[in-house]
Amino acid sequence: MSVPSFSPSMLQLFLYAHCVAAHARTPRLKFQTAAEREKARLRKLARLTVNQMHSAWMGRLPTPEPRARLWAVLGHFPSDFGVVLTHGGQEHG
């Protein structure tokens, strides 16, 4: 079995997908409005700062602790796959 990628760029992709899904649930809202609401909801659940969430949205959140919390909020746990997040990347355990 191959190990999935938990890189900052993959996190960016998952965040965007969650925002697309949020927009699909509320089509009366513009995408930007739905995305901002979803990002704020995820940020609060993961206990991230505004700057950390912005970095994650841009695919540039290198620090492992906030990335791990955000992945957990998205329902994916790197430790389930034996992955340890490192600064800007990951190691396979």
N, C-alpha and C. Protein backbone atom coordinates (compact mmCIF):
# COMPACT_ATOMS: atom_id res chain seq x y z
N MET A 1 0.84 -1.18 0.00
CA MET A 1 0.00 0.00 0.00
C MET A 1 0.89 1.24 0.00
N SER A 2 0.58 2.17 -0.85
CA SER A 2 1.37 3.40 -0.89
C SER A 2 0.92 4.36 0.21
N VAL A 3 1.83 5.20 0.62
CA VAL A 3 1.56 6.16 1.69
C VAL A 3 1.08 7.47 1.06
N PRO A 4 -0.06 8.00 1.53
CA PRO A 4 -0.56 9.25 0.96
C PRO A 4 0.34 10.43 1.32
N SER A 5 0.21 11.48 0.55
CA SER A 5 0.98 12.69 0.77
C SER A 5 0.24 13.62 1.73
N PHE A 6 0.91 14.06 2.76
CA PHE A 6 0.37 15.04 3.69
C PHE A 6 1.16 16.34 3.58
N SER A 7 1.62 16.66 2.39
CA SER A 7 2.43 17.85 2.15
C SER A 7 1.57 19.11 2.26
N PRO A 8 2.21 20.27 2.42
CA PRO A 8 1.47 21.52 2.43
C PRO A 8 0.64 21.73 1.16
N SER A 9 1.13 21.31 0.02
CA SER A 9 0.37 21.49 -1.22
C SER A 9 -0.84 20.56 -1.27
N MET A 10 -0.74 19.37 -0.71
CA MET A 10 -1.89 18.46 -0.66
C MET A 10 -2.94 19.01 0.31
N LEU A 11 -2.48 19.60 1.41
CA LEU A 11 -3.40 20.23 2.35
C LEU A 11 -4.15 21.36 1.66
N GLN A 12 -3.46 22.13 0.85
CA GLN A 12 -4.08 23.21 0.09
C GLN A 12 -5.20 22.65 -0.80
N LEU A 13 -4.93 21.56 -1.47
CA LEU A 13 -5.92 20.93 -2.35
C LEU A 13 -7.15 20.48 -1.56
N PHE A 14 -6.94 19.87 -0.40
CA PHE A 14 -8.06 19.41 0.42
C PHE A 14 -8.87 20.59 0.95
N LEU A 15 -8.21 21.67 1.33
CA LEU A 15 -8.93 22.86 1.79
C LEU A 15 -9.81 23.41 0.68
N TYR A 16 -9.26 23.49 -0.53
CA TYR A 16 -10.03 24.00 -1.66
C TYR A 16 -11.23 23.09 -1.93
N ALA A 17 -11.03 21.78 -1.85
CA ALA A 17 -12.13 20.83 -2.08
C ALA A 17 -13.23 21.01 -1.04
N HIS A 18 -12.86 21.26 0.21
CA HIS A 18 -13.86 21.50 1.24
C HIS A 18 -14.63 22.78 0.97
N CYS A 19 -13.97 23.78 0.44
CA CYS A 19 -14.64 25.04 0.11
C CYS A 19 -15.58 24.86 -1.08
N VAL A 20 -15.19 24.06 -2.05
CA VAL A 20 -16.07 23.75 -3.19
C VAL A 20 -17.31 23.02 -2.69
N ALA A 21 -17.13 22.07 -1.78
CA ALA A 21 -18.26 21.34 -1.22
C ALA A 21 -19.17 22.27 -0.41
N ALA A 22 -18.59 23.20 0.33
CA ALA A 22 -19.39 24.16 1.09
C ALA A 22 -20.21 25.03 0.15
N HIS A 23 -19.63 25.42 -0.96
CA HIS A 23 -20.36 26.22 -1.95
C HIS A 23 -21.49 25.39 -2.57
N ALA A 24 -21.27 24.12 -2.80
CA ALA A 24 -22.31 23.26 -3.36
C ALA A 24 -23.48 23.09 -2.39
N ARG A 25 -23.19 23.13 -1.08
CA ARG A 25 -24.26 23.01 -0.08
C ARG A 25 -25.08 24.28 0.02
N THR A 26 -24.48 25.42 -0.32
CA THR A 26 -25.18 26.71 -0.25
C THR A 26 -24.99 27.46 -1.56
N PRO A 27 -25.64 27.01 -2.63
CA PRO A 27 -25.40 27.61 -3.95
C PRO A 27 -25.86 29.06 -4.07
N ARG A 28 -26.69 29.52 -3.13
CA ARG A 28 -27.14 30.91 -3.21
C ARG A 28 -26.01 31.90 -2.90
N LEU A 29 -24.96 31.41 -2.24
CA LEU A 29 -23.82 32.26 -1.91
C LEU A 29 -22.80 32.24 -3.04
N LYS A 30 -22.08 33.33 -3.17
CA LYS A 30 -20.95 33.33 -4.10
C LYS A 30 -19.89 32.39 -3.56
N PHE A 31 -19.07 31.87 -4.45
CA PHE A 31 -18.03 30.93 -4.01
C PHE A 31 -17.12 31.57 -2.97
N GLN A 32 -16.73 32.82 -3.19
CA GLN A 32 -15.80 33.47 -2.26
C GLN A 32 -16.40 33.55 -0.86
N THR A 33 -17.69 33.86 -0.77
CA THR A 33 -18.35 33.96 0.53
C THR A 33 -18.41 32.60 1.21
N ALA A 34 -18.81 31.58 0.46
CA ALA A 34 -18.88 30.23 1.02
C ALA A 34 -17.50 29.75 1.45
N ALA A 35 -16.48 30.05 0.64
CA ALA A 35 -15.11 29.64 0.97
C ALA A 35 -14.62 30.33 2.23
N GLU A 36 -14.88 31.62 2.35
CA GLU A 36 -14.44 32.35 3.55
C GLU A 36 -15.10 31.79 4.81
N ARG A 37 -16.38 31.47 4.72
CA ARG A 37 -17.07 30.89 5.88
C ARG A 37 -16.50 29.53 6.24
N GLU A 38 -16.26 28.71 5.23
CA GLU A 38 -15.71 27.37 5.48
C GLU A 38 -14.30 27.46 6.05
N LYS A 39 -13.48 28.35 5.50
CA LYS A 39 -12.12 28.51 6.03
C LYS A 39 -12.14 28.98 7.47
N ALA A 40 -13.05 29.89 7.80
CA ALA A 40 -13.16 30.38 9.18
C ALA A 40 -13.60 29.25 10.11
N ARG A 41 -14.54 28.43 9.66
CA ARG A 41 -15.01 27.31 10.47
C ARG A 41 -13.88 26.31 10.72
N LEU A 42 -13.16 25.96 9.68
CA LEU A 42 -12.04 25.01 9.82
C LEU A 42 -10.93 25.60 10.69
N ARG A 43 -10.66 26.89 10.51
CA ARG A 43 -9.60 27.55 11.29
C ARG A 43 -9.92 27.49 12.78
N LYS A 44 -11.17 27.76 13.13
CA LYS A 44 -11.56 27.75 14.54
C LYS A 44 -11.50 26.34 15.12
N LEU A 45 -11.96 25.36 14.35
CA LEU A 45 -11.91 23.97 14.83
C LEU A 45 -10.48 23.49 15.03
N ALA A 46 -9.58 23.91 14.16
CA ALA A 46 -8.17 23.48 14.25
C ALA A 46 -7.35 24.38 15.17
N ARG A 47 -7.96 25.44 15.69
CA ARG A 47 -7.26 26.39 16.57
C ARG A 47 -6.02 26.98 15.89
N LEU A 48 -6.21 27.47 14.67
CA LEU A 48 -5.12 28.10 13.93
C LEU A 48 -5.29 29.61 13.98
N THR A 49 -4.18 30.32 13.81
CA THR A 49 -4.25 31.76 13.67
C THR A 49 -4.69 32.09 12.24
N VAL A 50 -5.06 33.33 12.04
CA VAL A 50 -5.45 33.78 10.70
C VAL A 50 -4.28 33.61 9.74
N ASN A 51 -3.08 33.96 10.19
CA ASN A 51 -1.90 33.83 9.33
C ASN A 51 -1.59 32.37 8.99
N GLN A 52 -1.74 31.47 9.95
CA GLN A 52 -1.51 30.06 9.68
C GLN A 52 -2.52 29.52 8.67
N MET A 53 -3.78 29.94 8.81
CA MET A 53 -4.80 29.47 7.87
C MET A 53 -4.52 30.03 6.48
N HIS A 54 -4.11 31.27 6.41
CA HIS A 54 -3.77 31.86 5.10
C HIS A 54 -2.61 31.10 4.47
N SER A 55 -1.61 30.78 5.26
CA SER A 55 -0.47 30.01 4.73
C SER A 55 -0.91 28.63 4.25
N ALA A 56 -1.80 27.98 5.00
CA ALA A 56 -2.30 26.67 4.58
C ALA A 56 -3.09 26.79 3.27
N TRP A 57 -3.90 27.82 3.16
CA TRP A 57 -4.69 28.05 1.95
C TRP A 57 -3.79 28.27 0.73
N MET A 58 -2.65 28.89 0.96
CA MET A 58 -1.71 29.16 -0.13
C MET A 58 -0.74 27.99 -0.36
N GLY A 59 -0.84 26.94 0.46
CA GLY A 59 0.04 25.78 0.30
C GLY A 59 1.43 25.99 0.86
N ARG A 60 1.54 26.90 1.84
CA ARG A 60 2.86 27.23 2.38
C ARG A 60 2.90 27.16 3.90
N LEU A 61 2.19 26.22 4.50
CA LEU A 61 2.22 26.08 5.96
C LEU A 61 3.23 24.98 6.30
N PRO A 62 4.47 25.36 6.64
CA PRO A 62 5.51 24.36 6.83
C PRO A 62 5.51 23.70 8.20
N THR A 63 5.01 24.37 9.23
CA THR A 63 5.13 23.84 10.59
C THR A 63 4.19 22.66 10.81
N PRO A 64 4.70 21.59 11.43
CA PRO A 64 3.93 20.35 11.53
C PRO A 64 2.72 20.39 12.47
N GLU A 65 2.80 21.10 13.59
CA GLU A 65 1.70 21.06 14.56
C GLU A 65 0.40 21.60 13.99
N PRO A 66 0.39 22.81 13.41
CA PRO A 66 -0.88 23.29 12.85
C PRO A 66 -1.35 22.46 11.65
N ARG A 67 -0.40 21.94 10.88
CA ARG A 67 -0.80 21.08 9.75
C ARG A 67 -1.48 19.82 10.25
N ALA A 68 -0.95 19.22 11.31
CA ALA A 68 -1.55 18.00 11.87
C ALA A 68 -2.95 18.29 12.40
N ARG A 69 -3.13 19.42 13.08
CA ARG A 69 -4.45 19.77 13.60
C ARG A 69 -5.44 19.99 12.46
N LEU A 70 -5.00 20.64 11.40
CA LEU A 70 -5.88 20.89 10.26
C LEU A 70 -6.23 19.60 9.54
N TRP A 71 -5.25 18.73 9.36
CA TRP A 71 -5.54 17.42 8.75
C TRP A 71 -6.56 16.67 9.60
N ALA A 72 -6.43 16.73 10.92
CA ALA A 72 -7.36 16.04 11.82
C ALA A 72 -8.78 16.59 11.66
N VAL A 73 -8.90 17.91 11.56
CA VAL A 73 -10.21 18.52 11.36
C VAL A 73 -10.82 18.07 10.03
N LEU A 74 -9.98 17.86 9.04
CA LEU A 74 -10.45 17.39 7.74
C LEU A 74 -10.76 15.89 7.74
N GLY A 75 -10.44 15.21 8.85
CA GLY A 75 -10.77 13.80 8.99
C GLY A 75 -9.68 12.85 8.53
N HIS A 76 -8.48 13.36 8.35
CA HIS A 76 -7.36 12.52 7.92
C HIS A 76 -6.24 12.65 8.95
N PHE A 77 -5.77 11.52 9.44
CA PHE A 77 -4.77 11.50 10.49
C PHE A 77 -3.49 10.89 9.95
N PRO A 78 -2.43 11.69 9.78
CA PRO A 78 -1.17 11.16 9.25
C PRO A 78 -0.65 9.96 10.04
N SER A 79 -0.86 9.95 11.35
CA SER A 79 -0.35 8.85 12.17
C SER A 79 -1.02 7.51 11.83
N ASP A 80 -2.22 7.54 11.28
CA ASP A 80 -2.88 6.29 10.86
C ASP A 80 -2.10 5.58 9.76
N PHE A 81 -1.28 6.33 9.04
CA PHE A 81 -0.50 5.77 7.95
C PHE A 81 0.98 5.66 8.31
N GLY A 82 1.30 5.91 9.58
CA GLY A 82 2.69 5.85 10.02
C GLY A 82 3.51 7.02 9.52
N VAL A 83 2.85 8.15 9.28
CA VAL A 83 3.52 9.34 8.76
C VAL A 83 3.73 10.32 9.90
N VAL A 84 4.94 10.85 10.01
CA VAL A 84 5.27 11.89 10.97
C VAL A 84 5.52 13.16 10.17
N LEU A 85 4.73 14.19 10.44
CA LEU A 85 4.92 15.45 9.73
C LEU A 85 6.18 16.13 10.23
N THR A 86 6.95 16.67 9.30
CA THR A 86 8.16 17.41 9.62
C THR A 86 8.00 18.82 9.09
N HIS A 87 8.96 19.66 9.35
CA HIS A 87 8.90 21.04 8.89
C HIS A 87 8.93 21.06 7.36
N GLY A 88 7.77 21.30 6.76
CA GLY A 88 7.67 21.39 5.31
C GLY A 88 7.48 20.08 4.58
N GLY A 89 7.43 18.96 5.30
CA GLY A 89 7.30 17.67 4.61
C GLY A 89 6.80 16.60 5.55
N GLN A 90 7.22 15.36 5.29
CA GLN A 90 6.79 14.23 6.11
C GLN A 90 7.83 13.13 6.05
N GLU A 91 7.80 12.29 7.08
CA GLU A 91 8.66 11.11 7.13
C GLU A 91 7.77 9.90 7.30
N HIS A 92 8.14 8.82 6.67
CA HIS A 92 7.39 7.58 6.78
C HIS A 92 7.99 6.76 7.91
N GLY A 93 7.13 6.38 8.87
CA GLY A 93 7.61 5.65 10.04
C GLY A 93 7.80 4.20 9.84
